[in-house]
Structure formats: structure tokens, C-alpha cells
């Protein structure tokens, strides 16, 4: 695997861990992938440094640590027109 492929793979792994869908199929059935520049901008907006392999690894480690330490949110089930 080339360095460019490794870089793209790391970026996609970080984006997926941040909840960003990298690949999708459009309404015409054409597979699409988010451009790297767009992923960098989205990750920057989420305050996840990603300019190089070291930043990507640190951001991924931070996301994993946050995920591992987070409690599951409480689940509240309600019915329409009934008080909660």
C-alpha cells in the first residue's frame, strides 16, 4: 500500500470514528466518497487535529478514550399525548 493510500485510510478511519460517513451511494446508484479536503475541514470543525499522521493518531486515540469512558445515555420512552 502506498503512503497516499495509508494517509487516506487513516483519514477515513478518523472520520468514521468521528461519525462522518465517508462513502455513500447517491440517488442515481453511483458510489461516492467524500473528498479529503472536505474531511479535513469537517474534522477541523469538530476540533480533531488531522493535518498529519501523528495528529490523526492522537485524535483517533482521543475519540476511542472518550468512547470507552462514556456512559450510555439514558433511554426515555414516551407516548404521544401522555405526560412524561
Protein backbone atom coordinates (compact mmCIF):
# COMPACT_ATOMS: atom_id res chain seq x y z
CA UNK A 1 0.00 0.00 0.00
CA UNK A 2 1.40 3.41 -0.95
CA UNK A 3 1.88 6.27 1.51
CA UNK A 4 -1.02 8.12 -0.15
CA UNK A 5 -3.25 5.08 0.39
CA UNK A 6 -2.11 4.83 4.03
CA UNK A 7 -2.82 8.51 4.55
CA UNK A 8 -6.28 8.24 3.01
CA UNK A 9 -7.01 5.12 5.08
CA UNK A 10 -6.00 6.89 8.33
CA UNK A 11 -8.12 9.91 7.41
CA UNK A 12 -11.13 7.69 6.64
CA UNK A 13 -10.68 5.76 9.89
CA UNK A 14 -10.62 9.00 11.90
CA UNK A 15 -13.63 10.39 10.05
CA UNK A 16 -15.62 7.20 10.65
CA UNK A 17 -14.71 7.24 14.35
CA UNK A 18 -15.98 10.84 14.49
CA UNK A 19 -19.30 9.76 12.98
CA UNK A 20 -18.72 11.03 9.46
CA UNK A 21 -19.98 8.82 6.63
CA UNK A 22 -17.13 8.73 4.12
CA UNK A 23 -18.74 6.59 1.41
CA UNK A 24 -22.33 6.55 0.18
CA UNK A 25 -24.41 5.80 -2.89
CA UNK A 26 -26.24 8.74 -4.45
CA UNK A 27 -29.83 8.79 -5.70
CA UNK A 28 -28.69 7.53 -9.12
CA UNK A 29 -26.93 4.50 -7.66
CA UNK A 30 -23.45 5.98 -8.14
CA UNK A 31 -20.97 5.25 -5.33
CA UNK A 32 -19.47 8.45 -3.90
CA UNK A 33 -16.66 9.26 -1.47
CA UNK A 34 -16.18 12.50 0.48
CA UNK A 35 -13.13 14.40 -0.79
CA UNK A 36 -10.11 14.52 1.55
CA UNK A 37 -10.24 18.34 1.73
CA UNK A 38 -13.83 18.13 2.91
CA UNK A 39 -12.94 15.51 5.54
CA UNK A 40 -10.10 17.70 6.80
CA UNK A 41 -12.46 20.68 7.09
CA UNK A 42 -15.14 18.65 8.91
CA UNK A 43 -12.62 17.16 11.33
CA UNK A 44 -11.14 20.63 11.95
CA UNK A 45 -14.64 21.93 12.72
CA UNK A 46 -15.04 19.07 15.22
CA UNK A 47 -11.74 20.15 16.82
CA UNK A 48 -9.99 16.94 15.80
CA UNK A 49 -6.48 17.79 14.56
CA UNK A 50 -5.75 15.81 11.39
CA UNK A 51 -3.05 17.54 9.35
CA UNK A 52 -0.60 14.63 9.56
CA UNK A 53 -0.33 11.02 10.71
CA UNK A 54 0.64 11.99 14.26
CA UNK A 55 -2.33 14.34 14.67
CA UNK A 56 -4.69 11.77 13.18
CA UNK A 57 -3.42 9.07 15.54
CA UNK A 58 -3.77 11.38 18.56
CA UNK A 59 -7.30 12.42 17.57
CA UNK A 60 -8.31 8.80 17.00
CA UNK A 61 -6.88 7.82 20.39
CA UNK A 62 -8.82 10.69 22.00
CA UNK A 63 -12.08 9.59 20.36
CA UNK A 64 -11.54 5.99 21.44
CA UNK A 65 -10.74 7.04 25.01
CA UNK A 66 -13.85 9.23 25.15
CA UNK A 67 -15.97 6.40 23.76
CA UNK A 68 -14.55 3.84 26.20
CA UNK A 69 -15.13 6.09 29.22
CA UNK A 70 -18.55 7.43 28.27
CA UNK A 71 -21.67 6.10 29.88
CA UNK A 72 -24.50 5.17 27.61
CA UNK A 73 -27.13 7.90 27.56
CA UNK A 74 -30.34 7.21 29.40
CA UNK A 75 -33.19 5.94 27.28
CA UNK A 76 -36.52 7.63 27.73
CA UNK A 77 -39.59 6.04 26.18
CA UNK A 78 -42.72 8.17 25.91
CA UNK A 79 -46.11 8.03 24.26
CA UNK A 80 -47.74 10.85 22.33
CA UNK A 81 -50.28 12.89 24.31
CA UNK A 82 -49.17 11.39 27.65
CA UNK A 83 -47.16 13.29 30.29
CA UNK A 84 -43.54 12.33 30.71
